[in-house]
């Protein structure tokens, strides 16, 4: 069972009708997550000895050796699928989950740090770079990319301590993932298309997207993709969030040297290093949300797919979804949305964007029959052991009985503390995939 506290969440419903809605929400999330299972996503592209996409078919038998590398939360499941269909010569996978295993002894697993990189992240990047260097003109290199890869594939131009400090500042600033990864690219030797400069053979990247609208150049900071951003863009982003004078001096020097041309820019789309590089999206938030819609229909609900590109400040985004849901007069309707919001950290509390999104709606849905839930598909919401949270029309009164005031918890960015008191956190553990977040509203 995906949700370890399934029965508790269901039983928290104060009426039989609410208990059914809570149960249905958990079941819809479970089916949606299964649709973006990394093993199955990779399995779908291997057909009769070929890697097949609508725009391209690559015959595996054309190559002498087949190398595999991967980085991200879904990389192990993806690698297992490759091993089951291809005779792998050698490979390295960088993940953040020490509990996962592979049946293929030709692939080494390196467990690194996420969301803050560590020394093992650097070791993983070095081992992966060596695999790229082994790939000759007659070889195929399959690259498995998924969310979390920016931290797990880490070969910085600056010290690890300065990178950690910069990453922490960015994560707390309210910057979106595209902005954060623009900085990461220009402080790295491997991100922003730089990794492919080491390979002479054909490179095929299979990508599970964890970013709104699936921009390959930003997913895991695009190590196999042409980069449209520049050192000047990186500086502007740091200035935008008033971080330019707060980041370490070494960071500013690298960016200034890049602007002056002392450090080469990341490779752009006209660079010949990309002539034999193919990048394909194999799973994303849209697939998960569409599956959620179908499962809701199977359970007897009318459905609306609101968006798969939800962004903005988490504590406000949920209220926007609630307002739109209220405009649909149909009864027994499930409104589905997906995307990735941000949290600007101002307090010292614990939580994540999914928990904060739901907390921001508690007062808005009080004394109604609305239920809202938000779920991080990787099973980890922010710096917590929860994957998200759920609230209904009784949540506010239950909170007041415990002298819990939503606004106070919002001010402290302590959504985890609020929902843990009510036993309404989603507890799943790492899911092994990542396609951003899914929200469900039942009206």
Protein backbone atom coordinates (compact mmCIF):
# COMPACT_ATOMS: atom_id res chain seq x y z
CA UNK A 1 0.00 0.00 0.00
CA UNK A 2 1.37 3.42 -1.02
CA UNK A 3 0.05 5.34 2.01
CA UNK A 4 1.39 3.90 5.26
CA UNK A 5 -1.25 5.77 7.27
CA UNK A 6 -4.13 5.04 4.86
CA UNK A 7 -6.62 3.92 7.53
CA UNK A 8 -5.83 6.88 9.80
CA UNK A 9 -6.41 9.43 7.03
CA UNK A 10 -9.72 7.84 6.06
CA UNK A 11 -10.96 7.56 9.65
CA UNK A 12 -10.25 11.27 10.24
CA UNK A 13 -13.29 12.04 8.13
CA UNK A 14 -16.02 13.19 10.52
CA UNK A 15 -18.89 11.72 8.46
CA UNK A 16 -19.28 8.59 6.31
CA UNK A 17 -19.42 10.83 3.23
CA UNK A 18 -16.11 12.50 4.13
CA UNK A 19 -14.51 9.16 4.85
CA UNK A 20 -15.47 7.98 1.37
CA UNK A 21 -14.06 11.13 -0.24
CA UNK A 22 -10.79 10.73 1.67
CA UNK A 23 -10.55 7.07 0.67
CA UNK A 24 -11.23 7.92 -2.99
CA UNK A 25 -8.55 10.62 -2.95
CA UNK A 26 -5.95 8.17 -1.66
CA UNK A 27 -6.95 5.60 -4.27
CA UNK A 28 -6.80 8.16 -7.09
CA UNK A 29 -3.32 9.27 -6.03
CA UNK A 30 -2.17 5.64 -5.93
CA UNK A 31 -3.33 4.90 -9.47
CA UNK A 32 -1.92 8.19 -10.78
CA UNK A 33 1.50 7.47 -9.31
CA UNK A 34 1.55 3.98 -10.80
CA UNK A 35 1.05 5.49 -14.27
CA UNK A 36 4.46 7.19 -14.03
CA UNK A 37 6.29 4.22 -12.58
CA UNK A 38 9.88 4.60 -13.86
CA UNK A 39 10.32 0.94 -14.79
CA UNK A 40 7.16 0.92 -16.90
CA UNK A 41 7.98 4.29 -18.48
CA UNK A 42 11.31 2.96 -19.76
CA UNK A 43 9.85 -0.41 -20.71
CA UNK A 44 7.37 1.29 -23.06
CA UNK A 45 10.14 2.67 -25.33
CA UNK A 46 11.91 -0.68 -25.93
CA UNK A 47 10.28 -2.55 -28.82
CA UNK A 48 11.77 -5.45 -30.79
CA UNK A 49 15.36 -4.50 -30.12
CA UNK A 50 14.80 -0.80 -30.80
CA UNK A 51 14.37 2.35 -28.75
CA UNK A 52 11.22 3.71 -30.37
CA UNK A 53 9.69 7.18 -30.27
CA UNK A 54 7.29 8.95 -32.57
CA UNK A 55 10.11 10.95 -34.15
CA UNK A 56 12.95 8.43 -33.96
CA UNK A 57 13.79 4.72 -33.86
CA UNK A 58 17.24 3.60 -32.76
CA UNK A 59 18.38 0.04 -33.49
CA UNK A 60 20.33 -1.21 -30.47
CA UNK A 61 22.09 -3.90 -32.54
CA UNK A 62 23.97 -1.19 -34.46
CA UNK A 63 26.28 -0.58 -31.49
CA UNK A 64 29.30 -2.44 -30.13
CA UNK A 65 28.89 -1.49 -26.48
CA UNK A 66 26.00 -0.09 -24.49
CA UNK A 67 26.71 2.07 -21.48
CA UNK A 68 24.12 3.29 -18.97
CA UNK A 69 24.22 6.21 -16.56
CA UNK A 70 21.47 7.75 -14.50
CA UNK A 71 20.88 10.41 -11.90
CA UNK A 72 17.74 11.32 -10.00
CA UNK A 73 15.10 9.85 -7.74
CA UNK A 74 13.75 7.50 -10.42
CA UNK A 75 17.09 6.38 -11.84
CA UNK A 76 17.24 2.94 -10.21
CA UNK A 77 13.81 1.85 -11.46
CA UNK A 78 14.69 3.19 -14.90
CA UNK A 79 18.02 1.38 -14.89
CA UNK A 80 16.38 -1.92 -13.94
CA UNK A 81 14.17 -1.69 -17.01
CA UNK A 82 17.19 -1.08 -19.27
CA UNK A 83 18.99 -4.06 -17.72
CA UNK A 84 15.99 -6.30 -18.39
CA UNK A 85 15.95 -5.45 -22.10
CA UNK A 86 19.56 -4.64 -23.02
CA UNK A 87 22.95 -6.30 -22.54
CA UNK A 88 24.67 -3.52 -20.60
CA UNK A 89 28.46 -3.19 -20.81
CA UNK A 90 28.92 -0.93 -17.80
CA UNK A 91 27.05 1.78 -15.93
CA UNK A 92 26.72 4.09 -12.94
CA UNK A 93 23.55 5.33 -11.23
CA UNK A 94 23.41 8.25 -8.78
CA UNK A 95 20.38 8.18 -6.48
CA UNK A 96 19.33 9.46 -3.06
CA UNK A 97 17.77 6.22 -1.76
CA UNK A 98 20.16 3.80 -0.05
CA UNK A 99 17.51 1.06 0.17
CA UNK A 100 17.18 0.41 -3.57
CA UNK A 101 18.90 -2.46 -5.38
CA UNK A 102 19.55 -3.60 -8.96
CA UNK A 103 19.72 -7.14 -10.29
CA UNK A 104 22.42 -6.07 -12.78
CA UNK A 105 25.95 -6.27 -11.30
CA UNK A 106 27.37 -4.25 -14.20
CA UNK A 107 25.82 -1.05 -12.89
CA UNK A 108 27.23 0.67 -9.80
CA UNK A 109 24.91 2.60 -7.50
CA UNK A 110 26.18 5.76 -5.79
CA UNK A 111 24.00 7.28 -3.07
CA UNK A 112 24.38 11.06 -2.96
CA UNK A 113 22.74 14.02 -1.20
CA UNK A 114 19.42 15.67 -2.01
CA UNK A 115 18.30 18.48 -2.14
CA UNK A 116 21.72 19.62 -0.91
CA UNK A 117 24.64 17.84 -2.67
CA UNK A 118 27.38 16.11 -0.70
CA UNK A 119 30.75 14.49 -1.38
CA UNK A 120 29.04 11.35 -2.68
CA UNK A 121 27.19 13.51 -5.22
CA UNK A 122 30.56 14.66 -6.50
CA UNK A 123 31.89 11.08 -6.59
CA UNK A 124 28.83 10.00 -8.55
CA UNK A 125 29.35 12.78 -11.11
CA UNK A 126 33.01 11.82 -11.52
CA UNK A 127 32.13 8.16 -12.11
CA UNK A 128 29.41 9.13 -14.59
CA UNK A 129 31.83 11.42 -16.43
CA UNK A 130 34.25 8.50 -16.76
CA UNK A 131 31.51 6.42 -18.40
CA UNK A 132 30.90 9.24 -20.89
CA UNK A 133 34.60 9.26 -21.72
CA UNK A 134 34.51 5.49 -22.40
CA UNK A 135 31.76 5.91 -25.01
CA UNK A 136 33.46 5.63 -28.43
CA UNK A 137 32.05 6.32 -31.90
CA UNK A 138 30.53 2.84 -32.23
CA UNK A 139 28.90 2.81 -28.79
CA UNK A 140 25.53 3.80 -27.37
CA UNK A 141 25.16 5.66 -24.09
CA UNK A 142 21.70 5.57 -22.48
CA UNK A 143 21.22 8.40 -19.97
CA UNK A 144 18.41 8.13 -17.43
CA UNK A 145 17.37 11.53 -16.09
CA UNK A 146 14.80 12.31 -13.39
CA UNK A 147 14.01 14.83 -10.69
CA UNK A 148 16.71 15.36 -8.11
CA UNK A 149 19.49 14.96 -10.63
CA UNK A 150 20.75 18.51 -10.12
CA UNK A 151 21.89 17.63 -6.60
CA UNK A 152 22.92 14.05 -7.36
CA UNK A 153 25.05 14.89 -10.42
CA UNK A 154 27.38 17.47 -8.92
CA UNK A 155 30.77 18.54 -10.25
CA UNK A 156 31.04 22.18 -9.12
CA UNK A 157 33.38 24.97 -10.19
CA UNK A 158 33.32 26.15 -6.58
CA UNK A 159 33.87 24.46 -3.22
CA UNK A 160 31.19 22.09 -1.99
CA UNK A 161 30.61 24.23 1.09
CA UNK A 162 30.02 27.34 -1.01
CA UNK A 163 27.70 25.36 -3.30
CA UNK A 164 25.70 24.14 -0.30
CA UNK A 165 25.39 27.68 1.04
CA UNK A 166 24.27 29.02 -2.34
CA UNK A 167 21.77 26.20 -2.83
CA UNK A 168 20.29 26.80 0.61
CA UNK A 169 19.87 30.50 -0.12
CA UNK A 170 18.17 29.78 -3.43
CA UNK A 171 15.80 27.17 -1.98
CA UNK A 172 14.62 29.65 0.66
CA UNK A 173 14.38 32.64 -1.67
CA UNK A 174 11.19 31.79 -3.55
CA UNK A 175 13.07 31.35 -6.84
CA UNK A 176 11.46 28.83 -9.18
CA UNK A 177 13.25 25.69 -10.32
CA UNK A 178 14.20 27.10 -13.73
CA UNK A 179 15.89 30.03 -12.02
CA UNK A 180 17.64 27.82 -9.48
CA UNK A 181 18.89 25.49 -12.19
CA UNK A 182 20.18 28.42 -14.26
CA UNK A 183 22.49 29.21 -11.34
CA UNK A 184 23.43 25.55 -10.93
CA UNK A 185 24.37 25.20 -14.60
CA UNK A 186 26.83 28.05 -14.46
CA UNK A 187 28.53 26.82 -11.30
CA UNK A 188 29.07 23.35 -12.77
CA UNK A 189 31.36 21.43 -15.11
CA UNK A 190 28.63 18.96 -16.19
CA UNK A 191 25.25 20.70 -16.19
CA UNK A 192 23.80 22.76 -19.03
CA UNK A 193 24.88 20.36 -21.81
CA UNK A 194 28.49 20.17 -20.67
CA UNK A 195 28.38 16.44 -19.87
CA UNK A 196 27.92 15.35 -23.51
CA UNK A 197 31.19 16.98 -24.54
CA UNK A 198 32.94 13.89 -23.19
CA UNK A 199 31.12 11.28 -25.35
CA UNK A 200 31.94 10.33 -28.95
CA UNK A 201 29.11 7.86 -29.52
CA UNK A 202 25.34 8.20 -29.70
CA UNK A 203 23.72 9.54 -26.53
CA UNK A 204 20.04 8.81 -25.85
CA UNK A 205 18.53 10.47 -22.79
CA UNK A 206 15.27 9.12 -21.37
CA UNK A 207 13.78 11.84 -19.18
CA UNK A 208 11.12 11.77 -16.47
CA UNK A 209 10.07 15.38 -16.13
CA UNK A 210 9.71 17.10 -12.76
CA UNK A 211 9.33 20.64 -14.13
CA UNK A 212 6.27 22.48 -15.45
CA UNK A 213 5.92 22.24 -19.26
CA UNK A 214 8.79 19.67 -19.49
CA UNK A 215 11.73 21.94 -20.47
CA UNK A 216 14.49 19.37 -21.01
CA UNK A 217 17.23 21.98 -20.56
CA UNK A 218 16.15 22.55 -16.94
CA UNK A 219 15.30 19.01 -15.82
CA UNK A 220 18.22 17.95 -13.61
CA UNK A 221 19.85 21.14 -14.97
CA UNK A 222 19.98 19.69 -18.51
CA UNK A 223 23.39 17.92 -18.61
CA UNK A 224 22.66 16.47 -22.07
CA UNK A 225 20.68 19.40 -23.48
CA UNK A 226 21.69 22.64 -25.19
CA UNK A 227 21.47 25.52 -22.76
CA UNK A 228 19.69 28.78 -23.63
CA UNK A 229 20.77 30.56 -20.44
CA UNK A 230 23.94 32.56 -19.78
CA UNK A 231 26.22 33.68 -16.96
CA UNK A 232 24.55 37.09 -17.24
CA UNK A 233 21.15 35.44 -16.65
CA UNK A 234 22.57 33.79 -13.53
CA UNK A 235 23.68 37.14 -12.16
CA UNK A 236 20.31 38.76 -12.86
CA UNK A 237 18.50 35.98 -10.97
CA UNK A 238 20.72 36.40 -7.92
CA UNK A 239 20.10 40.14 -8.03
CA UNK A 240 16.35 39.63 -8.45
CA UNK A 241 16.17 37.74 -5.15
CA UNK A 242 18.67 40.08 -3.41
CA UNK A 243 21.22 37.27 -3.16
CA UNK A 244 24.10 38.67 -5.25
CA UNK A 245 25.89 40.14 -2.27
CA UNK A 246 24.85 37.27 0.03
CA UNK A 247 26.28 34.36 -1.95
CA UNK A 248 29.97 33.50 -1.36
CA UNK A 249 32.60 35.61 -3.12
CA UNK A 250 33.75 32.54 -5.06
CA UNK A 251 30.29 32.26 -6.64
CA UNK A 252 30.32 35.88 -7.77
CA UNK A 253 33.83 35.48 -9.22
CA UNK A 254 32.84 32.44 -11.34
CA UNK A 255 29.79 34.25 -12.71
CA UNK A 256 31.71 37.46 -13.39
CA UNK A 257 34.48 35.47 -15.13
CA UNK A 258 31.82 33.82 -17.26
CA UNK A 259 30.31 37.16 -18.22
CA UNK A 260 33.80 38.39 -19.22
CA UNK A 261 34.44 35.23 -21.29
CA UNK A 262 37.24 33.96 -19.07
CA UNK A 263 35.11 30.85 -18.46
CA UNK A 264 33.41 29.38 -21.53
CA UNK A 265 29.63 29.60 -21.79
CA UNK A 266 27.53 26.44 -21.62
CA UNK A 267 27.09 24.85 -25.11
CA UNK A 268 24.19 26.19 -27.18
CA UNK A 269 21.88 24.40 -29.64
CA UNK A 270 24.10 25.01 -32.70
CA UNK A 271 27.06 23.28 -31.02
CA UNK A 272 28.11 20.11 -32.93
CA UNK A 273 28.45 18.15 -29.66
CA UNK A 274 24.68 17.66 -29.88
CA UNK A 275 24.70 16.12 -33.39
CA UNK A 276 24.33 12.58 -32.01
CA UNK A 277 22.37 13.42 -28.86
CA UNK A 278 18.68 12.57 -28.47
CA UNK A 279 16.51 13.67 -25.52
CA UNK A 280 13.04 12.17 -24.97
CA UNK A 281 10.39 12.76 -22.28
CA UNK A 282 8.98 9.38 -21.18
CA UNK A 283 6.83 10.38 -18.17
CA UNK A 284 5.49 13.64 -16.80
CA UNK A 285 2.87 15.34 -14.65
CA UNK A 286 0.38 15.43 -17.51
CA UNK A 287 0.32 11.63 -17.72
CA UNK A 288 -0.24 11.35 -13.96
CA UNK A 289 -3.01 13.97 -13.92
CA UNK A 290 -4.83 12.44 -16.88
CA UNK A 291 -4.70 9.07 -15.14
CA UNK A 292 -6.12 10.69 -12.00
CA UNK A 293 -9.01 12.04 -14.07
CA UNK A 294 -9.75 8.59 -15.51
CA UNK A 295 -9.67 6.92 -12.08
CA UNK A 296 -12.01 9.57 -10.65
CA UNK A 297 -14.44 8.82 -13.48
CA UNK A 298 -14.17 5.11 -12.68
CA UNK A 299 -15.18 5.93 -9.10
CA UNK A 300 -18.30 7.73 -10.33
CA UNK A 301 -17.23 11.36 -10.19
CA UNK A 302 -17.59 14.08 -12.76
CA UNK A 303 -14.11 15.43 -13.49
CA UNK A 304 -12.26 18.60 -14.43
CA UNK A 305 -8.57 18.78 -15.31
CA UNK A 306 -7.82 22.32 -14.18
CA UNK A 307 -4.13 22.61 -15.10
CA UNK A 308 -0.85 20.70 -15.21
CA UNK A 309 1.24 23.86 -14.88
CA UNK A 310 0.35 25.18 -11.43
CA UNK A 311 3.01 27.57 -10.10
CA UNK A 312 3.26 30.46 -7.66
CA UNK A 313 3.40 30.79 -3.89
CA UNK A 314 1.98 27.62 -2.34
CA UNK A 315 -0.11 29.22 0.41
CA UNK A 316 -2.01 31.26 -2.19
CA UNK A 317 -2.14 28.75 -5.05
CA UNK A 318 -4.54 26.42 -3.24
CA UNK A 319 -7.08 29.20 -2.73
CA UNK A 320 -7.00 29.96 -6.44
CA UNK A 321 -7.81 26.31 -7.12
CA UNK A 322 -10.62 26.35 -4.53
CA UNK A 323 -12.18 29.47 -6.09
CA UNK A 324 -12.14 27.89 -9.54
CA UNK A 325 -13.58 24.65 -8.18
CA UNK A 326 -16.47 26.53 -6.55
CA UNK A 327 -17.39 27.98 -9.94
CA UNK A 328 -18.24 24.50 -11.21
CA UNK A 329 -21.79 23.79 -9.99
CA UNK A 330 -21.73 20.05 -10.75
CA UNK A 331 -22.06 17.88 -7.66
CA UNK A 332 -19.67 15.01 -6.89
CA UNK A 333 -16.89 16.52 -8.96
CA UNK A 334 -13.16 15.88 -8.67
CA UNK A 335 -10.98 18.76 -9.84
CA UNK A 336 -7.45 17.64 -10.75
CA UNK A 337 -4.42 19.87 -11.08
CA UNK A 338 -0.67 19.48 -11.13
CA UNK A 339 2.54 21.47 -11.20
CA UNK A 340 5.04 22.82 -8.71
CA UNK A 341 4.55 25.78 -6.41
CA UNK A 342 7.19 27.46 -4.24
CA UNK A 343 7.47 28.43 -0.60
CA UNK A 344 9.26 31.59 0.44
CA UNK A 345 10.77 30.68 3.80
CA UNK A 346 10.25 33.29 6.50
CA UNK A 347 9.76 31.12 9.57
CA UNK A 348 11.66 28.37 11.32
CA UNK A 349 9.02 25.66 10.91
CA UNK A 350 8.97 22.38 9.02
CA UNK A 351 7.01 21.34 5.97
CA UNK A 352 6.88 21.58 2.19
CA UNK A 353 4.98 23.20 -0.63
CA UNK A 354 2.19 20.57 -0.69
CA UNK A 355 1.52 20.84 3.04
CA UNK A 356 1.63 24.64 2.88
CA UNK A 357 -0.74 24.71 -0.11
CA UNK A 358 -3.34 22.72 1.83
CA UNK A 359 -2.81 24.70 5.04
CA UNK A 360 -3.49 27.90 3.11
CA UNK A 361 -6.97 26.56 2.27
CA UNK A 362 -8.11 25.42 5.72
CA UNK A 363 -10.05 28.57 6.58
CA UNK A 364 -11.43 28.94 3.03
CA UNK A 365 -13.09 25.50 3.05
CA UNK A 366 -14.27 25.56 6.69
CA UNK A 367 -17.87 24.33 7.13
CA UNK A 368 -18.14 23.25 3.48
CA UNK A 369 -18.22 19.78 1.93
CA UNK A 370 -14.97 20.43 0.04
CA UNK A 371 -11.92 18.21 0.50
CA UNK A 372 -8.49 19.27 -0.80
CA UNK A 373 -5.28 17.28 -0.91
CA UNK A 374 -1.86 17.91 -2.41
CA UNK A 375 0.69 15.15 -3.01
CA UNK A 376 4.39 15.19 -3.89
CA UNK A 377 4.87 12.32 -6.32
CA UNK A 378 8.39 11.64 -5.05
CA UNK A 379 6.97 10.93 -1.59
CA UNK A 380 9.03 13.69 0.01
CA UNK A 381 7.55 17.15 0.50
CA UNK A 382 10.21 19.70 1.40
CA UNK A 383 12.45 18.82 4.31
CA UNK A 384 9.99 16.43 5.94
CA UNK A 385 9.03 12.77 5.96
CA UNK A 386 5.57 13.57 4.60
CA UNK A 387 4.42 13.55 0.98
CA UNK A 388 1.69 16.14 1.44
CA UNK A 389 -1.52 16.70 3.39
CA UNK A 390 -5.31 16.64 3.25
CA UNK A 391 -7.98 18.97 4.68
CA UNK A 392 -11.79 19.17 4.69
CA UNK A 393 -14.58 21.31 6.06
CA UNK A 394 -14.04 20.01 9.60
CA UNK A 395 -10.26 20.60 9.66
CA UNK A 396 -10.53 24.11 11.11
CA UNK A 397 -12.84 23.08 13.96
CA UNK A 398 -10.64 20.06 14.74
CA UNK A 399 -7.64 22.41 14.81
CA UNK A 400 -9.36 24.90 17.14
CA UNK A 401 -10.13 22.06 19.55
CA UNK A 402 -6.35 21.60 19.84
CA UNK A 403 -5.75 25.36 19.94
CA UNK A 404 -4.05 25.27 16.54
CA UNK A 405 -4.41 28.44 14.46
CA UNK A 406 -3.65 28.02 10.72
CA UNK A 407 -2.37 31.56 10.17
CA UNK A 408 0.19 31.24 12.94
CA UNK A 409 1.51 28.01 11.41
CA UNK A 410 1.62 29.66 7.98
CA UNK A 411 3.65 32.56 9.36
CA UNK A 412 6.14 30.07 10.79
CA UNK A 413 6.19 27.90 7.62
CA UNK A 414 5.22 25.07 9.95
CA UNK A 415 2.59 23.21 7.91
CA UNK A 416 4.09 19.90 9.03
CA UNK A 417 3.53 20.81 12.68
CA UNK A 418 -0.11 21.69 11.99
CA UNK A 419 -1.07 18.55 10.09
CA UNK A 420 0.96 16.18 12.27
CA UNK A 421 -1.21 17.26 15.23
CA UNK A 422 -4.30 16.30 13.19
CA UNK A 423 -2.77 13.09 11.75
CA UNK A 424 -3.56 14.37 8.25
CA UNK A 425 -0.08 14.11 6.71
CA UNK A 426 0.52 11.71 3.83
CA UNK A 427 3.24 9.22 4.81
CA UNK A 428 4.58 7.10 1.95
CA UNK A 429 8.38 7.19 2.03
CA UNK A 430 10.34 7.73 -1.22
CA UNK A 431 8.22 6.65 -4.19
CA UNK A 432 11.06 6.03 -6.65
CA UNK A 433 9.74 8.56 -9.17
CA UNK A 434 9.11 12.30 -9.43
CA UNK A 435 6.71 14.19 -11.72
CA UNK A 436 6.09 17.19 -9.45
CA UNK A 437 2.86 17.47 -7.46
CA UNK A 438 -0.81 16.57 -7.90
CA UNK A 439 -3.75 18.30 -6.24
CA UNK A 440 -7.24 16.83 -5.88
CA UNK A 441 -10.31 18.80 -4.84
CA UNK A 442 -13.61 17.04 -4.26
CA UNK A 443 -16.66 19.33 -4.37
